[in-house]
Amino acid sequence: MKYILSAICIVVLGVVFAIVGLTPPSSQENSDYLRVHIRANSNSSEDQTVKYMVRDAVVEALIPVLSEVETKDEAEKVLTQNLAYIEKVADEVLKSEGFSYTSKAYISNEYFPTRTYEELTLDSGYYDALILALGSGNGNNWWCVIYPAFCFTNTKNSANYVYISKIWEIIRSVTRKMEVK
């Protein structure tokens, strides 16, 4: 029964995504995307670990902030207005984990290599992005797509996609209730 409910949920979600246009982007121009790029202080295991902790906190903080945006320009404007908030969220994680360095958030147009996330491939090229440098920002980094509202918390598992929209939150709430029954 659990598998039948899961299958029904998947079909319903697919139909909803098709209707409201929440399917992952596939062939848009670079200028249609807004990315996020979190740069670790260094490649030490501690700096890399805290980078992922910051990522989780920032993605969680951005979901309600970006839930109402309908265009890339709106997303960029909202992010620009919230750069201090993004830094605050990151800095709180850094401080709570005992790091003395802070973060710096800004919007920039930067080069990204080709990146594939499950079924979505973004070609190499220049993209507008929210850059979040932790400390020196010289370590390995993490990035995903903020707009269209398609971000990942774990690219190894497509079940961990996070769609930043109210409709997605409603769908997730309904499917969780169905799983509990």
C-alpha atoms as a PDB file:
ATOM      1  CA  MET A   1       0.000   0.000   0.000  1.00  0.00           C
ATOM      2  CA  LYS A   2       2.843   2.371   0.867  1.00  0.00           C
ATOM      3  CA  TYR A   3       4.349   1.844  -2.600  1.00  0.00           C
ATOM      4  CA  ILE A   4       1.021   2.511  -4.309  1.00  0.00           C
ATOM      5  CA  LEU A   5       0.659   5.792  -2.385  1.00  0.00           C
ATOM      6  CA  SER A   6       4.220   6.714  -3.300  1.00  0.00           C
ATOM      7  CA  ALA A   7       3.559   5.988  -6.970  1.00  0.00           C
ATOM      8  CA  ILE A   8       0.370   8.046  -6.895  1.00  0.00           C
ATOM      9  CA  CYS A   9       2.243  10.929  -5.252  1.00  0.00           C
ATOM     10  CA  ILE A  10       4.952  10.797  -7.917  1.00  0.00           C
ATOM     11  CA  VAL A  11       2.386  10.869 -10.720  1.00  0.00           C
ATOM     12  CA  VAL A  12       0.467  13.721  -9.079  1.00  0.00           C
ATOM     13  CA  LEU A  13       3.668  15.700  -8.526  1.00  0.00           C
ATOM     14  CA  GLY A  14       4.684  15.161 -12.152  1.00  0.00           C
ATOM     15  CA  VAL A  15       1.332  16.480 -13.362  1.00  0.00           C
ATOM     16  CA  VAL A  16       1.499  19.468 -10.995  1.00  0.00           C
ATOM     17  CA  PHE A  17       5.052  20.285 -12.122  1.00  0.00           C
ATOM     18  CA  ALA A  18       3.998  20.110 -15.755  1.00  0.00           C
ATOM     19  CA  ILE A  19       1.012  22.362 -15.117  1.00  0.00           C
ATOM     20  CA  VAL A  20       2.801  25.031 -13.088  1.00  0.00           C
ATOM     21  CA  GLY A  21       6.123  24.888 -14.887  1.00  0.00           C
ATOM     22  CA  LEU A  22       8.275  23.655 -11.997  1.00  0.00           C
ATOM     23  CA  THR A  23      10.160  21.122 -14.052  1.00  0.00           C
ATOM     24  CA  PRO A  24      13.930  21.454 -14.004  1.00  0.00           C
ATOM     25  CA  PRO A  25      15.232  23.855 -16.645  1.00  0.00           C
ATOM     26  CA  SER A  26      16.978  22.212 -19.558  1.00  0.00           C
ATOM     27  CA  SER A  27      18.014  24.541 -22.337  1.00  0.00           C
ATOM     28  CA  GLN A  28      17.827  28.109 -21.112  1.00  0.00           C
ATOM     29  CA  GLU A  29      20.490  30.682 -21.821  1.00  0.00           C
ATOM     30  CA  ASN A  30      23.058  31.375 -19.105  1.00  0.00           C
ATOM     31  CA  SER A  31      21.485  34.790 -18.555  1.00  0.00           C
ATOM     32  CA  ASP A  32      18.220  33.100 -17.530  1.00  0.00           C
ATOM     33  CA  TYR A  33      19.834  31.533 -14.458  1.00  0.00           C
ATOM     34  CA  LEU A  34      20.858  32.862 -11.084  1.00  0.00           C
ATOM     35  CA  ARG A  35      23.225  30.596  -9.194  1.00  0.00           C
ATOM     36  CA  VAL A  36      24.608  30.438  -5.683  1.00  0.00           C
ATOM     37  CA  HIS A  37      28.289  29.750  -5.072  1.00  0.00           C
ATOM     38  CA  ILE A  38      29.563  29.065  -1.556  1.00  0.00           C
ATOM     39  CA  ARG A  39      33.338  29.146  -1.279  1.00  0.00           C
ATOM     40  CA  ALA A  40      35.025  27.491   1.703  1.00  0.00           C
ATOM     41  CA  ASN A  41      37.845  29.224   3.551  1.00  0.00           C
ATOM     42  CA  SER A  42      40.260  26.398   2.674  1.00  0.00           C
ATOM     43  CA  ASN A  43      40.332  22.709   1.812  1.00  0.00           C
ATOM     44  CA  SER A  44      40.895  21.587   5.403  1.00  0.00           C
ATOM     45  CA  SER A  45      38.331  19.037   6.543  1.00  0.00           C
ATOM     46  CA  GLU A  46      37.051  21.503   9.153  1.00  0.00           C
ATOM     47  CA  ASP A  47      36.508  24.291   6.614  1.00  0.00           C
ATOM     48  CA  GLN A  48      34.865  21.912   4.168  1.00  0.00           C
ATOM     49  CA  THR A  49      32.554  20.529   6.856  1.00  0.00           C
ATOM     50  CA  VAL A  50      31.458  23.983   8.008  1.00  0.00           C
ATOM     51  CA  LYS A  51      30.897  25.010   4.363  1.00  0.00           C
ATOM     52  CA  TYR A  52      28.159  22.365   4.127  1.00  0.00           C
ATOM     53  CA  MET A  53      26.698  23.458   7.455  1.00  0.00           C
ATOM     54  CA  VAL A  54      26.565  27.039   6.144  1.00  0.00           C
ATOM     55  CA  ARG A  55      25.059  25.788   2.879  1.00  0.00           C
ATOM     56  CA  ASP A  56      22.250  24.019   4.727  1.00  0.00           C
ATOM     57  CA  ALA A  57      21.502  27.059   6.888  1.00  0.00           C
ATOM     58  CA  VAL A  58      21.606  29.498   3.954  1.00  0.00           C
ATOM     59  CA  VAL A  59      19.425  27.331   1.696  1.00  0.00           C
ATOM     60  CA  GLU A  60      16.925  26.940   4.544  1.00  0.00           C
ATOM     61  CA  ALA A  61      16.970  30.717   5.151  1.00  0.00           C
ATOM     62  CA  LEU A  62      16.522  31.518   1.452  1.00  0.00           C
ATOM     63  CA  ILE A  63      13.484  29.305   0.898  1.00  0.00           C
ATOM     64  CA  PRO A  64      10.975  31.715   2.507  1.00  0.00           C
ATOM     65  CA  VAL A  65      12.862  34.780   1.246  1.00  0.00           C
ATOM     66  CA  LEU A  66      12.636  33.618  -2.379  1.00  0.00           C
ATOM     67  CA  SER A  67       9.293  31.803  -2.268  1.00  0.00           C
ATOM     68  CA  GLU A  68       7.366  34.638  -3.942  1.00  0.00           C
ATOM     69  CA  VAL A  69       9.779  35.593  -6.736  1.00  0.00           C
ATOM     70  CA  GLU A  70       8.606  35.088 -10.287  1.00  0.00           C
ATOM     71  CA  THR A  71      11.543  36.357 -12.335  1.00  0.00           C
ATOM     72  CA  LYS A  72      15.313  36.250 -12.222  1.00  0.00           C
ATOM     73  CA  ASP A  73      15.382  40.023 -11.771  1.00  0.00           C
ATOM     74  CA  GLU A  74      13.086  39.736  -8.747  1.00  0.00           C
ATOM     75  CA  ALA A  75      15.281  36.989  -7.278  1.00  0.00           C
ATOM     76  CA  GLU A  76      18.405  39.090  -7.764  1.00  0.00           C
ATOM     77  CA  LYS A  77      16.721  42.125  -6.202  1.00  0.00           C
ATOM     78  CA  VAL A  78      15.546  40.123  -3.180  1.00  0.00           C
ATOM     79  CA  LEU A  79      19.007  38.632  -2.713  1.00  0.00           C
ATOM     80  CA  THR A  80      20.660  42.039  -3.025  1.00  0.00           C
ATOM     81  CA  GLN A  81      18.323  43.380  -0.345  1.00  0.00           C
ATOM     82  CA  ASN A  82      19.174  40.410   1.883  1.00  0.00           C
ATOM     83  CA  LEU A  83      22.965  40.208   1.557  1.00  0.00           C
ATOM     84  CA  ALA A  84      23.450  41.265   5.186  1.00  0.00           C
ATOM     85  CA  TYR A  85      20.901  38.643   6.284  1.00  0.00           C
ATOM     86  CA  ILE A  86      22.693  35.941   4.280  1.00  0.00           C
ATOM     87  CA  GLU A  87      26.000  36.925   5.893  1.00  0.00           C
ATOM     88  CA  LYS A  88      24.349  36.901   9.324  1.00  0.00           C
ATOM     89  CA  VAL A  89      23.026  33.362   8.783  1.00  0.00           C
ATOM     90  CA  ALA A  90      26.441  32.170   7.598  1.00  0.00           C
ATOM     91  CA  ASP A  91      28.316  34.002  10.361  1.00  0.00           C
ATOM     92  CA  GLU A  92      26.075  32.516  13.043  1.00  0.00           C
ATOM     93  CA  VAL A  93      26.970  29.016  11.843  1.00  0.00           C
ATOM     94  CA  LEU A  94      30.667  29.887  11.656  1.00  0.00           C
ATOM     95  CA  LYS A  95      30.637  31.385  15.161  1.00  0.00           C
ATOM     96  CA  SER A  96      28.655  28.503  16.669  1.00  0.00           C
ATOM     97  CA  GLU A  97      31.229  26.089  15.259  1.00  0.00           C
ATOM     98  CA  GLY A  98      34.150  28.048  16.722  1.00  0.00           C
ATOM     99  CA  PHE A  99      35.477  29.738  13.584  1.00  0.00           C
ATOM    100  CA  SER A 100      36.918  33.236  13.895  1.00  0.00           C
ATOM    101  CA  TYR A 101      36.485  34.215  10.247  1.00  0.00           C
ATOM    102  CA  THR A 102      33.257  35.604   8.783  1.00  0.00           C
ATOM    103  CA  SER A 103      31.493  35.542   5.426  1.00  0.00           C
ATOM    104  CA  LYS A 104      31.029  37.987   2.591  1.00  0.00           C
ATOM    105  CA  ALA A 105      27.972  37.831   0.306  1.00  0.00           C
ATOM    106  CA  TYR A 106      27.657  39.644  -3.012  1.00  0.00           C
ATOM    107  CA  ILE A 107      26.148  39.289  -6.483  1.00  0.00           C
ATOM    108  CA  SER A 108      28.578  38.833  -9.372  1.00  0.00           C
ATOM    109  CA  ASN A 109      28.766  37.551 -12.929  1.00  0.00           C
ATOM    110  CA  GLU A 110      31.314  34.759 -12.877  1.00  0.00           C
ATOM    111  CA  TYR A 111      32.546  31.819 -14.900  1.00  0.00           C
ATOM    112  CA  PHE A 112      31.247  28.366 -14.008  1.00  0.00           C
ATOM    113  CA  PRO A 113      32.379  25.080 -15.563  1.00  0.00           C
ATOM    114  CA  THR A 114      29.842  22.667 -17.044  1.00  0.00           C
ATOM    115  CA  ARG A 115      27.871  21.090 -14.242  1.00  0.00           C
ATOM    116  CA  THR A 116      25.319  18.280 -14.363  1.00  0.00           C
ATOM    117  CA  TYR A 117      22.744  17.824 -11.631  1.00  0.00           C
ATOM    118  CA  GLU A 118      20.888  14.597 -12.375  1.00  0.00           C
ATOM    119  CA  GLU A 119      18.935  15.527 -15.551  1.00  0.00           C
ATOM    120  CA  LEU A 120      19.957  19.194 -15.648  1.00  0.00           C
ATOM    121  CA  THR A 121      23.191  20.230 -17.346  1.00  0.00           C
ATOM    122  CA  LEU A 122      24.377  23.817 -17.208  1.00  0.00           C
ATOM    123  CA  ASP A 123      26.989  24.556 -19.844  1.00  0.00           C
ATOM    124  CA  SER A 124      30.206  26.290 -18.909  1.00  0.00           C
ATOM    125  CA  GLY A 125      30.087  30.037 -19.132  1.00  0.00           C
ATOM    126  CA  TYR A 126      29.380  33.212 -17.244  1.00  0.00           C
ATOM    127  CA  TYR A 127      26.393  33.268 -14.898  1.00  0.00           C
ATOM    128  CA  ASP A 128      25.013  35.780 -12.441  1.00  0.00           C
ATOM    129  CA  ALA A 129      25.417  34.354  -8.963  1.00  0.00           C
ATOM    130  CA  LEU A 130      25.113  34.987  -5.291  1.00  0.00           C
ATOM    131  CA  ILE A 131      28.674  34.501  -4.073  1.00  0.00           C
ATOM    132  CA  LEU A 132      29.184  33.626  -0.414  1.00  0.00           C
ATOM    133  CA  ALA A 133      32.869  33.569   0.510  1.00  0.00           C
ATOM    134  CA  LEU A 134      33.667  32.031   3.868  1.00  0.00           C
ATOM    135  CA  GLY A 135      36.830  33.561   5.296  1.00  0.00           C
ATOM    136  CA  SER A 136      39.379  33.780   2.482  1.00  0.00           C
ATOM    137  CA  GLY A 137      37.085  31.867   0.113  1.00  0.00           C
ATOM    138  CA  ASN A 138      40.072  29.930  -1.253  1.00  0.00           C
ATOM    139  CA  GLY A 139      38.783  26.397  -0.627  1.00  0.00           C
ATOM    140  CA  ASN A 140      36.691  24.031  -2.675  1.00  0.00           C
ATOM    141  CA  ASN A 141      33.213  25.308  -3.280  1.00  0.00           C
ATOM    142  CA  TRP A 142      29.596  24.292  -3.659  1.00  0.00           C
ATOM    143  CA  TRP A 143      27.057  25.729  -6.066  1.00  0.00           C
ATOM    144  CA  CYS A 144      23.530  25.261  -7.287  1.00  0.00           C
ATOM    145  CA  VAL A 145      20.741  27.151  -9.056  1.00  0.00           C
ATOM    146  CA  ILE A 146      18.614  29.718  -7.227  1.00  0.00           C
ATOM    147  CA  TYR A 147      16.587  30.833 -10.232  1.00  0.00           C
ATOM    148  CA  PRO A 148      14.662  29.211 -11.753  1.00  0.00           C
ATOM    149  CA  ALA A 149      13.757  28.046  -8.276  1.00  0.00           C
ATOM    150  CA  PHE A 150      15.749  24.842  -8.456  1.00  0.00           C
ATOM    151  CA  CYS A 151      18.326  24.195  -5.785  1.00  0.00           C
ATOM    152  CA  PHE A 152      19.900  21.047  -4.437  1.00  0.00           C
ATOM    153  CA  THR A 153      20.786  20.040  -0.933  1.00  0.00           C
ATOM    154  CA  ASN A 154      22.455  16.831  -2.105  1.00  0.00           C
ATOM    155  CA  THR A 155      23.181  16.292  -5.807  1.00  0.00           C
ATOM    156  CA  LYS A 156      23.800  12.567  -5.305  1.00  0.00           C
ATOM    157  CA  ASN A 157      20.120  11.924  -4.701  1.00  0.00           C
ATOM    158  CA  SER A 158      17.388  13.506  -6.773  1.00  0.00           C
ATOM    159  CA  ALA A 159      14.939  12.960  -3.890  1.00  0.00           C
ATOM    160  CA  ASN A 160      16.750  15.803  -2.126  1.00  0.00           C
ATOM    161  CA  TYR A 161      15.865  18.538  -4.628  1.00  0.00           C
ATOM    162  CA  VAL A 162      14.526  21.632  -2.910  1.00  0.00           C
ATOM    163  CA  TYR A 163      12.070  23.663  -4.945  1.00  0.00           C
ATOM    164  CA  ILE A 164      11.820  27.150  -3.498  1.00  0.00           C
ATOM    165  CA  SER A 165       8.134  27.879  -3.887  1.00  0.00           C
ATOM    166  CA  LYS A 166       4.982  27.919  -1.833  1.00  0.00           C
ATOM    167  CA  ILE A 167       3.318  25.389  -4.112  1.00  0.00           C
ATOM    168  CA  TRP A 168       6.161  22.940  -3.530  1.00  0.00           C
ATOM    169  CA  GLU A 169       5.875  23.409   0.248  1.00  0.00           C
ATOM    170  CA  ILE A 170       2.135  22.681   0.051  1.00  0.00           C
ATOM    171  CA  ILE A 171       2.748  19.556  -2.036  1.00  0.00           C
ATOM    172  CA  ARG A 172       5.429  18.349   0.396  1.00  0.00           C
ATOM    173  CA  SER A 173       3.077  18.940   3.327  1.00  0.00           C
ATOM    174  CA  VAL A 174       0.279  16.929   1.699  1.00  0.00           C
ATOM    175  CA  THR A 175       2.571  14.045   0.717  1.00  0.00           C
ATOM    176  CA  ARG A 176       4.042  13.888   4.241  1.00  0.00           C
ATOM    177  CA  LYS A 177       0.531  13.640   5.681  1.00  0.00           C
ATOM    178  CA  MET A 178      -0.271  10.830   3.220  1.00  0.00           C
ATOM    179  CA  GLU A 179       2.884   8.928   4.231  1.00  0.00           C
ATOM    180  CA  VAL A 180       1.981   9.139   7.922  1.00  0.00           C
ATOM    181  CA  LYS A 181      -1.440   7.536   7.411  1.00  0.00           C
END
